[in-house]
N, C-alpha and C. Protein backbone atom coordinates (compact mmCIF):
# COMPACT_ATOMS: atom_id res chain seq x y z
N MET A 1 -24.78 -14.59 102.17
CA MET A 1 -24.06 -14.49 100.91
C MET A 1 -24.99 -14.06 99.77
N SER A 2 -26.20 -14.53 99.81
CA SER A 2 -27.16 -14.23 98.76
C SER A 2 -27.46 -12.73 98.69
N GLU A 3 -27.50 -12.09 99.86
CA GLU A 3 -27.79 -10.65 99.90
C GLU A 3 -26.65 -9.86 99.28
N SER A 4 -25.43 -10.24 99.53
CA SER A 4 -24.28 -9.53 98.96
C SER A 4 -24.22 -9.74 97.44
N VAL A 5 -24.58 -10.95 97.00
CA VAL A 5 -24.61 -11.22 95.56
C VAL A 5 -25.69 -10.35 94.91
N SER A 6 -26.81 -10.20 95.59
CA SER A 6 -27.91 -9.38 95.10
C SER A 6 -27.47 -7.92 94.98
N LYS A 7 -26.76 -7.42 95.97
CA LYS A 7 -26.26 -6.05 95.94
C LYS A 7 -25.29 -5.85 94.78
N VAL A 8 -24.44 -6.81 94.59
CA VAL A 8 -23.47 -6.74 93.49
C VAL A 8 -24.20 -6.71 92.15
N MET A 9 -25.23 -7.53 92.02
CA MET A 9 -26.01 -7.57 90.77
C MET A 9 -26.68 -6.22 90.50
N VAL A 10 -27.21 -5.61 91.55
CA VAL A 10 -27.84 -4.30 91.41
C VAL A 10 -26.81 -3.28 90.94
N GLU A 11 -25.64 -3.30 91.53
CA GLU A 11 -24.58 -2.38 91.14
C GLU A 11 -24.14 -2.61 89.70
N ILE A 12 -24.05 -3.87 89.31
CA ILE A 12 -23.67 -4.20 87.93
C ILE A 12 -24.72 -3.67 86.95
N MET A 13 -25.99 -3.80 87.32
CA MET A 13 -27.07 -3.30 86.46
C MET A 13 -26.99 -1.78 86.32
N LYS A 14 -26.65 -1.08 87.43
CA LYS A 14 -26.49 0.37 87.38
C LYS A 14 -25.34 0.75 86.45
N ILE A 15 -24.25 0.02 86.56
CA ILE A 15 -23.08 0.29 85.72
C ILE A 15 -23.43 0.05 84.25
N GLU A 16 -24.15 -1.03 83.96
CA GLU A 16 -24.56 -1.32 82.58
C GLU A 16 -25.43 -0.20 82.03
N LYS A 17 -26.34 0.31 82.85
CA LYS A 17 -27.21 1.40 82.41
C LYS A 17 -26.38 2.65 82.09
N LYS A 18 -25.46 2.98 82.96
CA LYS A 18 -24.59 4.13 82.73
C LYS A 18 -23.76 3.96 81.46
N LEU A 19 -23.25 2.75 81.25
CA LEU A 19 -22.47 2.48 80.04
C LEU A 19 -23.31 2.65 78.79
N GLU A 20 -24.55 2.22 78.85
CA GLU A 20 -25.46 2.40 77.71
C GLU A 20 -25.69 3.89 77.42
N GLU A 21 -25.86 4.68 78.49
CA GLU A 21 -26.03 6.12 78.33
C GLU A 21 -24.79 6.76 77.71
N ILE A 22 -23.63 6.34 78.18
CA ILE A 22 -22.37 6.87 77.64
C ILE A 22 -22.22 6.48 76.18
N GLU A 23 -22.55 5.25 75.85
CA GLU A 23 -22.45 4.78 74.46
C GLU A 23 -23.38 5.60 73.55
N LYS A 24 -24.59 5.86 74.04
CA LYS A 24 -25.54 6.65 73.26
C LYS A 24 -25.00 8.06 73.02
N LYS A 25 -24.45 8.68 74.06
CA LYS A 25 -23.90 10.02 73.92
C LYS A 25 -22.70 10.04 72.98
N LEU A 26 -21.86 9.02 73.06
CA LEU A 26 -20.72 8.93 72.15
C LEU A 26 -21.18 8.80 70.71
N ASP A 27 -22.20 7.98 70.47
CA ASP A 27 -22.75 7.83 69.12
C ASP A 27 -23.27 9.17 68.60
N GLU A 28 -23.95 9.93 69.47
CA GLU A 28 -24.46 11.24 69.07
C GLU A 28 -23.32 12.19 68.74
N LEU A 29 -22.27 12.16 69.55
CA LEU A 29 -21.11 13.02 69.29
C LEU A 29 -20.42 12.66 67.98
N ILE A 30 -20.31 11.37 67.72
CA ILE A 30 -19.68 10.92 66.46
C ILE A 30 -20.52 11.38 65.27
N GLU A 31 -21.85 11.23 65.37
CA GLU A 31 -22.73 11.68 64.29
C GLU A 31 -22.61 13.19 64.08
N ASP A 32 -22.59 13.95 65.19
CA ASP A 32 -22.44 15.40 65.08
C ASP A 32 -21.11 15.76 64.42
N ASN A 33 -20.07 15.06 64.80
CA ASN A 33 -18.75 15.32 64.23
C ASN A 33 -18.73 15.00 62.73
N GLU A 34 -19.37 13.90 62.35
CA GLU A 34 -19.44 13.55 60.93
C GLU A 34 -20.23 14.60 60.16
N ARG A 35 -21.36 15.05 60.74
CA ARG A 35 -22.17 16.08 60.09
C ARG A 35 -21.37 17.36 59.91
N TYR A 36 -20.65 17.75 60.94
CA TYR A 36 -19.83 18.95 60.87
C TYR A 36 -18.77 18.81 59.78
N GLY A 37 -18.14 17.65 59.72
CA GLY A 37 -17.12 17.41 58.70
C GLY A 37 -17.68 17.51 57.29
N ILE A 38 -18.85 16.96 57.08
CA ILE A 38 -19.48 17.03 55.76
C ILE A 38 -19.84 18.47 55.42
N MET A 39 -20.38 19.20 56.40
CA MET A 39 -20.74 20.60 56.14
C MET A 39 -19.50 21.42 55.84
N LYS A 40 -18.44 21.19 56.59
CA LYS A 40 -17.19 21.93 56.37
C LYS A 40 -16.61 21.61 54.99
N LEU A 41 -16.65 20.35 54.61
CA LEU A 41 -16.15 19.95 53.29
C LEU A 41 -16.98 20.61 52.19
N SER A 42 -18.29 20.62 52.35
CA SER A 42 -19.16 21.25 51.37
C SER A 42 -18.86 22.74 51.28
N GLU A 43 -18.70 23.36 52.43
CA GLU A 43 -18.42 24.79 52.46
C GLU A 43 -17.13 25.10 51.72
N GLU A 44 -16.10 24.32 51.99
CA GLU A 44 -14.81 24.58 51.35
C GLU A 44 -14.82 24.27 49.86
N SER A 45 -15.52 23.21 49.49
CA SER A 45 -15.51 22.83 48.07
C SER A 45 -16.42 23.74 47.24
N LEU A 46 -17.45 24.32 47.86
CA LEU A 46 -18.37 25.19 47.12
C LEU A 46 -17.99 26.66 47.22
N TRP A 47 -17.04 27.00 48.07
CA TRP A 47 -16.69 28.39 48.30
C TRP A 47 -16.36 29.12 47.00
N GLU A 48 -15.50 28.56 46.21
CA GLU A 48 -15.08 29.23 44.97
C GLU A 48 -16.27 29.42 44.03
N PHE A 49 -17.09 28.39 43.89
CA PHE A 49 -18.26 28.48 43.03
C PHE A 49 -19.23 29.56 43.53
N LEU A 50 -19.52 29.54 44.81
CA LEU A 50 -20.47 30.51 45.36
C LEU A 50 -19.93 31.93 45.35
N GLU A 51 -18.64 32.08 45.52
CA GLU A 51 -18.02 33.40 45.51
C GLU A 51 -18.18 34.07 44.15
N SER A 52 -18.16 33.29 43.08
CA SER A 52 -18.27 33.86 41.74
C SER A 52 -19.72 34.09 41.31
N GLU A 53 -20.68 33.60 42.09
CA GLU A 53 -22.09 33.80 41.76
C GLU A 53 -22.55 35.19 42.20
N PRO A 54 -23.42 35.81 41.42
CA PRO A 54 -23.92 37.13 41.82
C PRO A 54 -24.88 37.01 43.01
N ASP A 55 -24.97 38.08 43.78
CA ASP A 55 -25.91 38.09 44.90
C ASP A 55 -27.33 38.18 44.34
N ILE A 56 -28.20 37.36 44.83
CA ILE A 56 -29.59 37.35 44.36
C ILE A 56 -30.41 38.40 45.09
N TYR A 57 -30.13 38.56 46.38
CA TYR A 57 -30.90 39.50 47.19
C TYR A 57 -30.01 40.65 47.65
N THR A 58 -30.63 41.80 47.78
CA THR A 58 -29.91 42.95 48.33
C THR A 58 -30.27 43.07 49.81
N GLU A 59 -29.60 44.00 50.48
CA GLU A 59 -29.90 44.22 51.89
C GLU A 59 -31.34 44.68 52.07
N ASN A 60 -31.83 45.48 51.15
CA ASN A 60 -33.20 45.97 51.25
C ASN A 60 -34.22 44.85 51.11
N ASP A 61 -33.89 43.80 50.39
CA ASP A 61 -34.80 42.67 50.22
C ASP A 61 -35.05 41.93 51.54
N VAL A 62 -34.08 41.91 52.40
CA VAL A 62 -34.21 41.11 53.62
C VAL A 62 -34.55 41.92 54.86
N LYS A 63 -34.65 43.22 54.74
CA LYS A 63 -35.02 44.04 55.89
C LYS A 63 -36.46 43.82 56.25
N VAL A 64 -36.71 43.75 57.54
CA VAL A 64 -38.08 43.57 58.05
C VAL A 64 -38.52 44.85 58.69
N LYS A 65 -39.71 45.28 58.31
CA LYS A 65 -40.24 46.51 58.90
C LYS A 65 -41.00 46.15 60.17
N LEU A 66 -40.62 46.78 61.27
CA LEU A 66 -41.28 46.57 62.55
C LEU A 66 -42.22 47.72 62.83
N ARG A 67 -43.35 47.39 63.41
CA ARG A 67 -44.33 48.45 63.73
C ARG A 67 -44.21 48.86 65.16
């Protein structure tokens, strides 16, 4: 009986480890989703302001000359 209990405990520990990994990944996804939401909100709220601002750089300013 002790051996079967030991096997069950090992399996439970494996399951706990997997659950911890899943929880960590879910937390990362939630953070990414929150970051995306904030960026999208900023983009939408600043769009009108930025659209009315003049361009600071021209296309020639950002061209890179390759040798």
